């Protein structure tokens, strides 16, 4: 029997300290501390405290709520939601470029 997928905050091989969450149906709370947050999977609700350098999503039906995004937000896939409270990030909605629907908005602080 295979183990159920879980959220992992693992260092990225190219940028130590970056946060990678590869999961389905989880609700992790992570501290970005200036690192990049990567979310890959579906039906996750991720809350990121502190400032994230960047946020990248892949998959579907993920929601990410971030205190601050410093540099950029990249979204691949469909039915993804990113809400950020502070910052003026560059937004690249690759899913929308391909005709899919995603939501990327500033949230009340």
C-alpha atoms as a PDB file:
ATOM      1  CA  UNK A   1       0.000   0.000   0.000  1.00  0.00           C
ATOM      2  CA  UNK A   2       1.415   3.391  -0.996  1.00  0.00           C
ATOM      3  CA  UNK A   3       1.765   6.086   1.628  1.00  0.00           C
ATOM      4  CA  UNK A   4      -0.484   9.126   1.346  1.00  0.00           C
ATOM      5  CA  UNK A   5       1.205  12.238  -0.088  1.00  0.00           C
ATOM      6  CA  UNK A   6       2.159  14.870   2.457  1.00  0.00           C
ATOM      7  CA  UNK A   7       3.376  18.460   2.352  1.00  0.00           C
ATOM      8  CA  UNK A   8       7.137  18.823   2.494  1.00  0.00           C
ATOM      9  CA  UNK A   9       9.145  21.957   3.110  1.00  0.00           C
ATOM     10  CA  UNK A  10      12.388  20.856   1.499  1.00  0.00           C
ATOM     11  CA  UNK A  11      15.386  22.907   0.446  1.00  0.00           C
ATOM     12  CA  UNK A  12      15.600  23.452  -3.291  1.00  0.00           C
ATOM     13  CA  UNK A  13      18.825  22.106  -4.773  1.00  0.00           C
ATOM     14  CA  UNK A  14      19.482  25.363  -6.659  1.00  0.00           C
ATOM     15  CA  UNK A  15      18.488  27.805  -3.920  1.00  0.00           C
ATOM     16  CA  UNK A  16      18.939  26.537  -0.379  1.00  0.00           C
ATOM     17  CA  UNK A  17      16.052  27.582   1.825  1.00  0.00           C
ATOM     18  CA  UNK A  18      13.424  27.676  -0.925  1.00  0.00           C
ATOM     19  CA  UNK A  19      10.224  25.873   0.026  1.00  0.00           C
ATOM     20  CA  UNK A  20       8.757  23.080  -2.099  1.00  0.00           C
ATOM     21  CA  UNK A  21       5.312  21.681  -1.407  1.00  0.00           C
ATOM     22  CA  UNK A  22       4.365  18.699  -3.539  1.00  0.00           C
ATOM     23  CA  UNK A  23       1.076  17.355  -2.243  1.00  0.00           C
ATOM     24  CA  UNK A  24      -2.645  16.893  -2.689  1.00  0.00           C
ATOM     25  CA  UNK A  25      -5.316  18.133  -0.293  1.00  0.00           C
ATOM     26  CA  UNK A  26      -3.064  19.624   2.400  1.00  0.00           C
ATOM     27  CA  UNK A  27      -3.233  22.883   4.365  1.00  0.00           C
ATOM     28  CA  UNK A  28       0.341  23.727   5.394  1.00  0.00           C
ATOM     29  CA  UNK A  29       1.473  26.988   6.963  1.00  0.00           C
ATOM     30  CA  UNK A  30       5.048  27.926   6.006  1.00  0.00           C
ATOM     31  CA  UNK A  31       7.443  30.795   6.743  1.00  0.00           C
ATOM     32  CA  UNK A  32       9.004  32.105   3.536  1.00  0.00           C
ATOM     33  CA  UNK A  33      11.710  34.235   5.177  1.00  0.00           C
ATOM     34  CA  UNK A  34      12.615  35.767   1.790  1.00  0.00           C
ATOM     35  CA  UNK A  35      12.765  32.473  -0.105  1.00  0.00           C
ATOM     36  CA  UNK A  36      10.773  31.224  -3.088  1.00  0.00           C
ATOM     37  CA  UNK A  37       7.658  29.119  -2.500  1.00  0.00           C
ATOM     38  CA  UNK A  38       6.932  26.329  -5.003  1.00  0.00           C
ATOM     39  CA  UNK A  39       3.561  24.543  -4.851  1.00  0.00           C
ATOM     40  CA  UNK A  40       2.948  21.540  -7.093  1.00  0.00           C
ATOM     41  CA  UNK A  41      -0.183  19.423  -6.777  1.00  0.00           C
ATOM     42  CA  UNK A  42      -3.895  19.933  -6.370  1.00  0.00           C
ATOM     43  CA  UNK A  43      -6.450  20.995  -3.781  1.00  0.00           C
ATOM     44  CA  UNK A  44      -3.860  22.482  -1.411  1.00  0.00           C
ATOM     45  CA  UNK A  45      -4.458  25.584   0.703  1.00  0.00           C
ATOM     46  CA  UNK A  46      -1.063  27.059   1.595  1.00  0.00           C
ATOM     47  CA  UNK A  47      -0.599  29.990   3.961  1.00  0.00           C
ATOM     48  CA  UNK A  48       2.808  31.673   3.676  1.00  0.00           C
ATOM     49  CA  UNK A  49       3.847  34.047   6.435  1.00  0.00           C
ATOM     50  CA  UNK A  50       6.602  36.639   6.225  1.00  0.00           C
ATOM     51  CA  UNK A  51       7.871  37.726   2.778  1.00  0.00           C
ATOM     52  CA  UNK A  52       8.312  35.312  -0.123  1.00  0.00           C
ATOM     53  CA  UNK A  53      10.812  36.297  -2.796  1.00  0.00           C
ATOM     54  CA  UNK A  54       8.600  34.591  -5.393  1.00  0.00           C
ATOM     55  CA  UNK A  55       5.653  32.187  -5.633  1.00  0.00           C
ATOM     56  CA  UNK A  56       5.268  29.510  -8.325  1.00  0.00           C
ATOM     57  CA  UNK A  57       2.250  27.202  -8.652  1.00  0.00           C
ATOM     58  CA  UNK A  58       1.730  24.141 -10.829  1.00  0.00           C
ATOM     59  CA  UNK A  59      -1.283  21.853 -10.865  1.00  0.00           C
ATOM     60  CA  UNK A  60      -4.909  22.700 -10.206  1.00  0.00           C
ATOM     61  CA  UNK A  61      -7.275  23.948  -7.519  1.00  0.00           C
ATOM     62  CA  UNK A  62      -4.482  25.226  -5.251  1.00  0.00           C
ATOM     63  CA  UNK A  63      -4.903  28.324  -3.095  1.00  0.00           C
ATOM     64  CA  UNK A  64      -1.921  30.255  -1.746  1.00  0.00           C
ATOM     65  CA  UNK A  65      -2.309  33.159   0.674  1.00  0.00           C
ATOM     66  CA  UNK A  66       0.904  35.156   1.101  1.00  0.00           C
ATOM     67  CA  UNK A  67       1.776  38.063   3.400  1.00  0.00           C
ATOM     68  CA  UNK A  68       4.239  39.665   0.939  1.00  0.00           C
ATOM     69  CA  UNK A  69       5.628  38.777  -2.500  1.00  0.00           C
ATOM     70  CA  UNK A  70       8.860  40.604  -3.327  1.00  0.00           C
ATOM     71  CA  UNK A  71       9.616  39.706  -6.960  1.00  0.00           C
ATOM     72  CA  UNK A  72       7.148  37.610  -8.953  1.00  0.00           C
ATOM     73  CA  UNK A  73       4.208  35.216  -9.083  1.00  0.00           C
ATOM     74  CA  UNK A  74       4.123  32.493 -11.763  1.00  0.00           C
ATOM     75  CA  UNK A  75       1.046  30.326 -12.174  1.00  0.00           C
ATOM     76  CA  UNK A  76       0.791  27.258 -14.381  1.00  0.00           C
ATOM     77  CA  UNK A  77      -2.295  25.064 -14.549  1.00  0.00           C
ATOM     78  CA  UNK A  78      -5.925  25.923 -13.951  1.00  0.00           C
ATOM     79  CA  UNK A  79      -8.267  27.032 -11.161  1.00  0.00           C
ATOM     80  CA  UNK A  80      -5.323  28.292  -9.109  1.00  0.00           C
ATOM     81  CA  UNK A  81      -5.678  31.175  -6.636  1.00  0.00           C
ATOM     82  CA  UNK A  82      -2.905  33.382  -5.267  1.00  0.00           C
ATOM     83  CA  UNK A  83      -3.797  36.148  -2.825  1.00  0.00           C
ATOM     84  CA  UNK A  84      -1.032  38.444  -1.580  1.00  0.00           C
ATOM     85  CA  UNK A  85      -1.336  41.226   0.975  1.00  0.00           C
ATOM     86  CA  UNK A  86       1.779  43.295   0.244  1.00  0.00           C
ATOM     87  CA  UNK A  87       4.280  43.845  -2.535  1.00  0.00           C
ATOM     88  CA  UNK A  88       4.121  44.750  -6.202  1.00  0.00           C
ATOM     89  CA  UNK A  89       5.167  41.481  -7.872  1.00  0.00           C
ATOM     90  CA  UNK A  90       5.405  40.810 -11.583  1.00  0.00           C
ATOM     91  CA  UNK A  91       2.577  38.374 -12.401  1.00  0.00           C
ATOM     92  CA  UNK A  92       2.852  35.752 -15.130  1.00  0.00           C
ATOM     93  CA  UNK A  93      -0.319  33.683 -15.465  1.00  0.00           C
ATOM     94  CA  UNK A  94       0.804  30.993 -17.885  1.00  0.00           C
ATOM     95  CA  UNK A  95      -2.478  29.114 -17.429  1.00  0.00           C
ATOM     96  CA  UNK A  96      -4.476  32.136 -18.586  1.00  0.00           C
ATOM     97  CA  UNK A  97      -2.117  32.484 -21.565  1.00  0.00           C
ATOM     98  CA  UNK A  98      -3.293  28.997 -22.558  1.00  0.00           C
ATOM     99  CA  UNK A  99      -7.006  29.734 -22.016  1.00  0.00           C
ATOM    100  CA  UNK A 100      -7.386  28.478 -18.437  1.00  0.00           C
ATOM    101  CA  UNK A 101      -8.866  30.392 -15.511  1.00  0.00           C
ATOM    102  CA  UNK A 102      -6.761  31.427 -12.517  1.00  0.00           C
ATOM    103  CA  UNK A 103      -7.149  34.151  -9.893  1.00  0.00           C
ATOM    104  CA  UNK A 104      -4.206  36.291  -8.786  1.00  0.00           C
ATOM    105  CA  UNK A 105      -5.174  39.292  -6.645  1.00  0.00           C
ATOM    106  CA  UNK A 106      -4.110  41.577  -3.850  1.00  0.00           C
ATOM    107  CA  UNK A 107      -5.922  40.675  -0.631  1.00  0.00           C
ATOM    108  CA  UNK A 108      -6.768  43.070   2.189  1.00  0.00           C
ATOM    109  CA  UNK A 109      -3.774  43.388   4.520  1.00  0.00           C
END
